Amino acid sequence: MSRFLRHTLPLICRLAFALVLCTANAGHAASEEKLNYQQARKALSHSDPLRRINGMQQLVKWGSAKDATSVYTLLDDAEPSVRQVALATVWQLWGKSGDATIDKLYQEGLDRMQDGDMSKAITVFSDIIAKRPAFAEAWNKRATIYYMNGEYDLSMQDCEEVLKRLPQHFGALVGYAQMLAERSQPERALELMERASKVNPYIVNIELMMAALRVQIENKRKNMV
């Protein structure tokens, strides 16, 4: 596997985690008009970029993980500021289970990750999974920690669970793809990368990662001849 692919996933993990910990500051100058849930969803398709941004900011207040699908199209918006807010919004919505008790536990898990207490964070996310297995982002955060700890088999298993629940989770798709590439499975890795790119074309270095996988596939074929 190329050095480029090996070092890209940790970067993506850090960027994704940073997005979860912060709010969407991009587009802060957008209208502060308060919207209800339905109004926020409707604003996502408004012709004015500032209204689309405000719609996303308001949707974070009212929505949950299921509402992230409404924001995916804005990841490819013509306006860079809208794309930036959309990326943060998707991660924020993925992190909302719709259950206040679970959300409190989830925040505790994030806090333990930020503190560097990965063992405790795994315990917290495992507790969430036991109580609410449908909450995909708990699986994803545990997968991220397993990867950071070098426990790749466990990380891959959790990525599978994420994708059962959120097939368009581009974070899990990219992470899983790179671990597959490390295990000489570039064909499936490329398939997952392409799926991720369709959801979010602006993933950091996505084109370079896919190009590296195509080279890996070609080299594999040559070695089989």
C-alpha atoms as a PDB file:
ATOM      1  CA  MET A   1       0.000   0.000   0.000  1.00  0.00           C
ATOM      2  CA  SER A   2       1.284   3.509  -0.821  1.00  0.00           C
ATOM      3  CA  ARG A   3       2.599   5.799   1.882  1.00  0.00           C
ATOM      4  CA  PHE A   4       0.017   8.377   0.735  1.00  0.00           C
ATOM      5  CA  LEU A   5      -2.919   6.092   1.509  1.00  0.00           C
ATOM      6  CA  ARG A   6      -1.394   4.968   4.809  1.00  0.00           C
ATOM      7  CA  HIS A   7      -1.116   8.508   6.141  1.00  0.00           C
ATOM      8  CA  THR A   8      -4.393   9.944   4.806  1.00  0.00           C
ATOM      9  CA  LEU A   9      -6.905   8.156   7.059  1.00  0.00           C
ATOM     10  CA  PRO A  10      -5.496   9.509  10.351  1.00  0.00           C
ATOM     11  CA  LEU A  11      -5.782  13.006   8.860  1.00  0.00           C
ATOM     12  CA  ILE A  12      -9.411  12.394   7.863  1.00  0.00           C
ATOM     13  CA  CYS A  13     -10.166  11.026  11.342  1.00  0.00           C
ATOM     14  CA  ARG A  14      -8.770  14.179  12.950  1.00  0.00           C
ATOM     15  CA  LEU A  15     -10.661  16.467  10.569  1.00  0.00           C
ATOM     16  CA  ALA A  16     -13.937  14.611  11.104  1.00  0.00           C
ATOM     17  CA  PHE A  17     -13.522  14.672  14.876  1.00  0.00           C
ATOM     18  CA  ALA A  18     -12.745  18.404  14.795  1.00  0.00           C
ATOM     19  CA  LEU A  19     -15.921  19.021  12.816  1.00  0.00           C
ATOM     20  CA  VAL A  20     -17.975  17.159  15.421  1.00  0.00           C
ATOM     21  CA  LEU A  21     -16.504  19.152  18.279  1.00  0.00           C
ATOM     22  CA  CYS A  22     -17.177  22.567  16.763  1.00  0.00           C
ATOM     23  CA  THR A  23     -20.256  24.250  15.354  1.00  0.00           C
ATOM     24  CA  ALA A  24     -20.554  25.403  11.766  1.00  0.00           C
ATOM     25  CA  ASN A  25     -18.845  28.767  11.957  1.00  0.00           C
ATOM     26  CA  ALA A  26     -18.715  29.157   8.197  1.00  0.00           C
ATOM     27  CA  GLY A  27     -21.470  31.427   6.961  1.00  0.00           C
ATOM     28  CA  HIS A  28     -21.872  33.024  10.390  1.00  0.00           C
ATOM     29  CA  ALA A  29     -23.036  36.169   8.645  1.00  0.00           C
ATOM     30  CA  ALA A  30     -26.070  34.299   7.358  1.00  0.00           C
ATOM     31  CA  SER A  31     -29.505  35.385   8.456  1.00  0.00           C
ATOM     32  CA  GLU A  32     -30.245  34.650  12.126  1.00  0.00           C
ATOM     33  CA  GLU A  33     -33.926  34.224  11.309  1.00  0.00           C
ATOM     34  CA  LYS A  34     -35.412  31.518  13.494  1.00  0.00           C
ATOM     35  CA  LEU A  35     -37.128  28.719  11.621  1.00  0.00           C
ATOM     36  CA  ASN A  36     -39.120  25.731  12.735  1.00  0.00           C
ATOM     37  CA  TYR A  37     -38.270  22.226  11.560  1.00  0.00           C
ATOM     38  CA  GLN A  38     -40.328  22.313   8.371  1.00  0.00           C
ATOM     39  CA  GLN A  39     -39.180  25.830   7.479  1.00  0.00           C
ATOM     40  CA  ALA A  40     -35.554  24.838   7.995  1.00  0.00           C
ATOM     41  CA  ARG A  41     -35.902  21.861   5.651  1.00  0.00           C
ATOM     42  CA  LYS A  42     -37.592  24.019   3.031  1.00  0.00           C
ATOM     43  CA  ALA A  43     -34.823  26.631   3.240  1.00  0.00           C
ATOM     44  CA  LEU A  44     -32.246  24.053   2.172  1.00  0.00           C
ATOM     45  CA  SER A  45     -33.403  24.437  -1.429  1.00  0.00           C
ATOM     46  CA  HIS A  46     -33.692  28.254  -1.395  1.00  0.00           C
ATOM     47  CA  SER A  47     -31.992  30.146  -4.240  1.00  0.00           C
ATOM     48  CA  ASP A  48     -30.169  32.428  -1.784  1.00  0.00           C
ATOM     49  CA  PRO A  49     -27.000  30.769  -0.373  1.00  0.00           C
ATOM     50  CA  LEU A  50     -27.424  32.602   2.932  1.00  0.00           C
ATOM     51  CA  ARG A  51     -30.916  31.179   3.291  1.00  0.00           C
ATOM     52  CA  ARG A  52     -29.585  27.678   2.612  1.00  0.00           C
ATOM     53  CA  ILE A  53     -26.937  28.211   5.283  1.00  0.00           C
ATOM     54  CA  ASN A  54     -29.505  29.490   7.758  1.00  0.00           C
ATOM     55  CA  GLY A  55     -31.708  26.509   6.988  1.00  0.00           C
ATOM     56  CA  MET A  56     -28.868  24.154   7.898  1.00  0.00           C
ATOM     57  CA  GLN A  57     -28.032  26.058  11.069  1.00  0.00           C
ATOM     58  CA  GLN A  58     -31.656  25.894  12.178  1.00  0.00           C
ATOM     59  CA  LEU A  59     -32.016  22.238  11.161  1.00  0.00           C
ATOM     60  CA  VAL A  60     -29.207  21.301  13.550  1.00  0.00           C
ATOM     61  CA  LYS A  61     -31.372  22.659  16.381  1.00  0.00           C
ATOM     62  CA  TRP A  62     -34.419  20.600  15.458  1.00  0.00           C
ATOM     63  CA  GLY A  63     -33.205  17.600  13.500  1.00  0.00           C
ATOM     64  CA  SER A  64     -31.482  14.288  14.139  1.00  0.00           C
ATOM     65  CA  ALA A  65     -29.342  11.818  12.193  1.00  0.00           C
ATOM     66  CA  LYS A  66     -32.138  10.970   9.764  1.00  0.00           C
ATOM     67  CA  ASP A  67     -32.184  14.578   8.568  1.00  0.00           C
ATOM     68  CA  ALA A  68     -28.602  14.417   7.302  1.00  0.00           C
ATOM     69  CA  THR A  69     -29.893  12.928   4.041  1.00  0.00           C
ATOM     70  CA  SER A  70     -31.578  16.277   3.315  1.00  0.00           C
ATOM     71  CA  VAL A  71     -28.199  18.016   3.466  1.00  0.00           C
ATOM     72  CA  TYR A  72     -26.154  15.638   1.280  1.00  0.00           C
ATOM     73  CA  THR A  73     -26.937  17.522  -1.931  1.00  0.00           C
ATOM     74  CA  LEU A  74     -25.469  20.700  -0.425  1.00  0.00           C
ATOM     75  CA  LEU A  75     -22.088  18.982  -0.065  1.00  0.00           C
ATOM     76  CA  ASP A  76     -21.783  19.628  -3.816  1.00  0.00           C
ATOM     77  CA  ASP A  77     -23.257  23.142  -3.741  1.00  0.00           C
ATOM     78  CA  ALA A  78     -21.880  25.756  -6.126  1.00  0.00           C
ATOM     79  CA  GLU A  79     -21.073  28.047  -3.181  1.00  0.00           C
ATOM     80  CA  PRO A  80     -17.971  27.028  -1.151  1.00  0.00           C
ATOM     81  CA  SER A  81     -19.399  28.538   2.040  1.00  0.00           C
ATOM     82  CA  VAL A  82     -22.539  26.422   1.690  1.00  0.00           C
ATOM     83  CA  ARG A  83     -20.445  23.282   1.165  1.00  0.00           C
ATOM     84  CA  GLN A  84     -18.406  24.056   4.272  1.00  0.00           C
ATOM     85  CA  VAL A  85     -21.481  24.518   6.435  1.00  0.00           C
ATOM     86  CA  ALA A  86     -23.094  21.424   4.888  1.00  0.00           C
ATOM     87  CA  LEU A  87     -20.108  19.277   5.861  1.00  0.00           C
ATOM     88  CA  ALA A  88     -20.229  20.440   9.470  1.00  0.00           C
ATOM     89  CA  THR A  89     -24.017  20.110   9.517  1.00  0.00           C
ATOM     90  CA  VAL A  90     -23.969  16.510   8.293  1.00  0.00           C
ATOM     91  CA  TRP A  91     -21.493  15.494  11.006  1.00  0.00           C
ATOM     92  CA  GLN A  92     -23.514  17.337  13.654  1.00  0.00           C
ATOM     93  CA  LEU A  93     -26.757  15.674  12.573  1.00  0.00           C
ATOM     94  CA  TRP A  94     -25.133  12.244  12.448  1.00  0.00           C
ATOM     95  CA  GLY A  95     -24.210  12.832  16.081  1.00  0.00           C
ATOM     96  CA  LYS A  96     -27.823  13.413  17.183  1.00  0.00           C
ATOM     97  CA  SER A  97     -29.699  10.253  18.101  1.00  0.00           C
ATOM     98  CA  GLY A  98     -33.027  11.913  18.865  1.00  0.00           C
ATOM     99  CA  ASP A  99     -32.802  10.728  22.481  1.00  0.00           C
ATOM    100  CA  ALA A 100     -31.584  13.285  25.041  1.00  0.00           C
ATOM    101  CA  THR A 101     -30.095  10.641  27.342  1.00  0.00           C
ATOM    102  CA  ILE A 102     -28.173   8.979  24.512  1.00  0.00           C
ATOM    103  CA  ASP A 103     -27.022  12.353  23.201  1.00  0.00           C
ATOM    104  CA  LYS A 104     -25.640  13.192  26.634  1.00  0.00           C
ATOM    105  CA  LEU A 105     -23.692   9.941  26.678  1.00  0.00           C
ATOM    106  CA  TYR A 106     -22.462  10.626  23.149  1.00  0.00           C
ATOM    107  CA  GLN A 107     -21.114  14.007  24.217  1.00  0.00           C
ATOM    108  CA  GLU A 108     -19.360  12.319  27.129  1.00  0.00           C
ATOM    109  CA  GLY A 109     -17.712   9.956  24.650  1.00  0.00           C
ATOM    110  CA  LEU A 110     -16.543  12.915  22.551  1.00  0.00           C
ATOM    111  CA  ASP A 111     -15.179  14.604  25.669  1.00  0.00           C
ATOM    112  CA  ARG A 112     -13.195  11.484  26.576  1.00  0.00           C
ATOM    113  CA  MET A 113     -11.809  11.358  23.035  1.00  0.00           C
ATOM    114  CA  GLN A 114     -10.782  14.987  23.266  1.00  0.00           C
ATOM    115  CA  ASP A 115      -9.103  14.281  26.615  1.00  0.00           C
ATOM    116  CA  GLY A 116      -7.214  11.371  25.056  1.00  0.00           C
ATOM    117  CA  ASP A 117      -8.878   8.787  27.300  1.00  0.00           C
ATOM    118  CA  MET A 118      -9.614   6.349  24.492  1.00  0.00           C
ATOM    119  CA  SER A 119     -10.289   3.399  26.806  1.00  0.00           C
ATOM    120  CA  LYS A 120     -13.050   5.305  28.579  1.00  0.00           C
ATOM    121  CA  ALA A 121     -14.388   6.608  25.265  1.00  0.00           C
ATOM    122  CA  ILE A 122     -14.707   3.037  23.958  1.00  0.00           C
ATOM    123  CA  THR A 123     -16.618   2.097  27.115  1.00  0.00           C
ATOM    124  CA  VAL A 124     -19.018   5.008  26.626  1.00  0.00           C
ATOM    125  CA  PHE A 125     -19.657   4.331  22.941  1.00  0.00           C
ATOM    126  CA  SER A 126     -20.075   0.602  23.662  1.00  0.00           C
ATOM    127  CA  ASP A 127     -22.679   1.498  26.282  1.00  0.00           C
ATOM    128  CA  ILE A 128     -24.531   3.628  23.709  1.00  0.00           C
ATOM    129  CA  ILE A 129     -24.406   0.797  21.164  1.00  0.00           C
ATOM    130  CA  ALA A 130     -25.862  -1.629  23.706  1.00  0.00           C
ATOM    131  CA  LYS A 131     -28.678   0.782  24.548  1.00  0.00           C
ATOM    132  CA  ARG A 132     -29.358   2.133  21.062  1.00  0.00           C
ATOM    133  CA  PRO A 133     -27.749  -0.055  18.379  1.00  0.00           C
ATOM    134  CA  ALA A 134     -29.514   1.865  15.589  1.00  0.00           C
ATOM    135  CA  PHE A 135     -27.424   4.977  16.354  1.00  0.00           C
ATOM    136  CA  ALA A 136     -24.798   4.668  13.608  1.00  0.00           C
ATOM    137  CA  GLU A 137     -22.463   7.404  14.790  1.00  0.00           C
ATOM    138  CA  ALA A 138     -21.723   5.599  18.046  1.00  0.00           C
ATOM    139  CA  TRP A 139     -20.438   2.688  15.935  1.00  0.00           C
ATOM    140  CA  ASN A 140     -18.456   5.131  13.784  1.00  0.00           C
ATOM    141  CA  LYS A 141     -16.775   6.834  16.712  1.00  0.00           C
ATOM    142  CA  ARG A 142     -15.809   3.478  18.200  1.00  0.00           C
ATOM    143  CA  ALA A 143     -14.480   2.405  14.789  1.00  0.00           C
ATOM    144  CA  THR A 144     -12.369   5.569  14.693  1.00  0.00           C
ATOM    145  CA  ILE A 145     -10.881   4.856  18.127  1.00  0.00           C
ATOM    146  CA  TYR A 146     -10.164   1.242  17.237  1.00  0.00           C
ATOM    147  CA  TYR A 147      -8.340   2.451  14.137  1.00  0.00           C
ATOM    148  CA  MET A 148      -6.328   4.982  16.126  1.00  0.00           C
ATOM    149  CA  ASN A 149      -5.434   2.194  18.576  1.00  0.00           C
ATOM    150  CA  GLY A 150      -4.286  -0.082  15.752  1.00  0.00           C
ATOM    151  CA  GLU A 151      -7.172  -2.524  16.280  1.00  0.00           C
ATOM    152  CA  TYR A 152      -8.040  -2.698  12.591  1.00  0.00           C
ATOM    153  CA  ASP A 153     -10.201  -5.824  12.572  1.00  0.00           C
ATOM    154  CA  LEU A 154     -12.475  -4.358  15.240  1.00  0.00           C
ATOM    155  CA  SER A 155     -12.556  -1.037  13.391  1.00  0.00           C
ATOM    156  CA  MET A 156     -13.588  -2.742  10.155  1.00  0.00           C
ATOM    157  CA  GLN A 157     -16.336  -4.668  11.944  1.00  0.00           C
ATOM    158  CA  ASP A 158     -17.734  -1.420  13.322  1.00  0.00           C
ATOM    159  CA  CYS A 159     -17.508   0.231   9.889  1.00  0.00           C
ATOM    160  CA  GLU A 160     -19.705  -2.586   8.573  1.00  0.00           C
ATOM    161  CA  GLU A 161     -22.258  -1.775  11.277  1.00  0.00           C
ATOM    162  CA  VAL A 162     -22.188   1.925  10.386  1.00  0.00           C
ATOM    163  CA  LEU A 163     -22.829   1.232   6.719  1.00  0.00           C
ATOM    164  CA  LYS A 164     -25.725  -1.120   7.505  1.00  0.00           C
ATOM    165  CA  ARG A 165     -27.413   1.850   9.141  1.00  0.00           C
ATOM    166  CA  LEU A 166     -26.064   4.743   7.053  1.00  0.00           C
ATOM    167  CA  PRO A 167     -24.932   3.481   3.621  1.00  0.00           C
ATOM    168  CA  GLN A 168     -23.964   7.033   2.612  1.00  0.00           C
ATOM    169  CA  HIS A 169     -21.697   7.666   5.602  1.00  0.00           C
ATOM    170  CA  PHE A 170     -18.686   8.914   3.660  1.00  0.00           C
ATOM    171  CA  GLY A 171     -16.473   8.943   6.750  1.00  0.00           C
ATOM    172  CA  ALA A 172     -16.992   5.225   7.364  1.00  0.00           C
ATOM    173  CA  LEU A 173     -16.737   4.481   3.637  1.00  0.00           C
ATOM    174  CA  VAL A 174     -13.333   6.145   3.340  1.00  0.00           C
ATOM    175  CA  GLY A 175     -12.000   4.679   6.572  1.00  0.00           C
ATOM    176  CA  TYR A 176     -13.129   1.178   5.693  1.00  0.00           C
ATOM    177  CA  ALA A 177     -11.744   1.541   2.166  1.00  0.00           C
ATOM    178  CA  GLN A 178      -8.283   2.405   3.394  1.00  0.00           C
ATOM    179  CA  MET A 179      -8.186  -0.537   5.779  1.00  0.00           C
ATOM    180  CA  LEU A 180      -9.259  -2.815   2.928  1.00  0.00           C
ATOM    181  CA  ALA A 181      -6.471  -1.374   0.793  1.00  0.00           C
ATOM    182  CA  GLU A 182      -3.988  -2.225   3.537  1.00  0.00           C
ATOM    183  CA  ARG A 183      -5.218  -5.827   3.307  1.00  0.00           C
ATOM    184  CA  SER A 184      -4.646  -6.071  -0.443  1.00  0.00           C
ATOM    185  CA  GLN A 185      -8.312  -5.577  -1.328  1.00  0.00           C
ATOM    186  CA  PRO A 186      -8.001  -2.474  -3.516  1.00  0.00           C
ATOM    187  CA  GLU A 187     -10.954  -3.444  -5.735  1.00  0.00           C
ATOM    188  CA  ARG A 188     -13.494  -3.260  -2.923  1.00  0.00           C
ATOM    189  CA  ALA A 189     -11.649  -0.296  -1.427  1.00  0.00           C
ATOM    190  CA  LEU A 190     -12.084   1.632  -4.674  1.00  0.00           C
ATOM    191  CA  GLU A 191     -15.772   0.723  -4.794  1.00  0.00           C
ATOM    192  CA  LEU A 192     -16.278   2.214  -1.313  1.00  0.00           C
ATOM    193  CA  MET A 193     -14.221   5.296  -2.181  1.00  0.00           C
ATOM    194  CA  GLU A 194     -16.356   5.889  -5.255  1.00  0.00           C
ATOM    195  CA  ARG A 195     -19.494   5.590  -3.148  1.00  0.00           C
ATOM    196  CA  ALA A 196     -18.090   8.147  -0.719  1.00  0.00           C
ATOM    197  CA  SER A 197     -17.169  10.507  -3.543  1.00  0.00           C
ATOM    198  CA  LYS A 198     -20.705  10.413  -4.932  1.00  0.00           C
ATOM    199  CA  VAL A 199     -22.041  11.652  -1.598  1.00  0.00           C
ATOM    200  CA  ASN A 200     -19.277  14.166  -0.905  1.00  0.00           C
ATOM    201  CA  PRO A 201     -17.064  15.028  -3.904  1.00  0.00           C
ATOM    202  CA  TYR A 202     -14.962  17.363  -1.767  1.00  0.00           C
ATOM    203  CA  ILE A 203     -13.506  14.812   0.656  1.00  0.00           C
ATOM    204  CA  VAL A 204      -9.884  15.731   1.335  1.00  0.00           C
ATOM    205  CA  ASN A 205      -7.625  14.120  -1.311  1.00  0.00           C
ATOM    206  CA  ILE A 206     -10.400  11.798  -2.547  1.00  0.00           C
ATOM    207  CA  GLU A 207      -9.276  11.911  -6.188  1.00  0.00           C
ATOM    208  CA  LEU A 208      -5.667  11.206  -5.222  1.00  0.00           C
ATOM    209  CA  MET A 209      -6.744   8.320  -3.005  1.00  0.00           C
ATOM    210  CA  MET A 210      -8.804   6.766  -5.785  1.00  0.00           C
ATOM    211  CA  ALA A 211      -5.948   7.226  -8.249  1.00  0.00           C
ATOM    212  CA  ALA A 212      -3.589   5.458  -5.830  1.00  0.00           C
ATOM    213  CA  LEU A 213      -6.052   2.580  -5.525  1.00  0.00           C
ATOM    214  CA  ARG A 214      -6.307   2.256  -9.312  1.00  0.00           C
ATOM    215  CA  VAL A 215      -2.513   1.997  -9.472  1.00  0.00           C
ATOM    216  CA  GLN A 216      -2.621  -0.637  -6.731  1.00  0.00           C
ATOM    217  CA  ILE A 217      -5.243  -2.603  -8.673  1.00  0.00           C
ATOM    218  CA  GLU A 218      -3.215  -2.424 -11.867  1.00  0.00           C
ATOM    219  CA  ASN A 219      -0.036  -3.546 -10.107  1.00  0.00           C
ATOM    220  CA  LYS A 220      -1.946  -6.416  -8.528  1.00  0.00           C
ATOM    221  CA  ARG A 221      -3.177  -7.528 -11.923  1.00  0.00           C
ATOM    222  CA  LYS A 222       0.307  -7.374 -13.413  1.00  0.00           C
ATOM    223  CA  ASN A 223       1.703  -9.488 -10.584  1.00  0.00           C
ATOM    224  CA  MET A 224      -0.949 -12.137 -11.249  1.00  0.00           C
ATOM    225  CA  VAL A 225       0.075 -12.562 -14.868  1.00  0.00           C
END
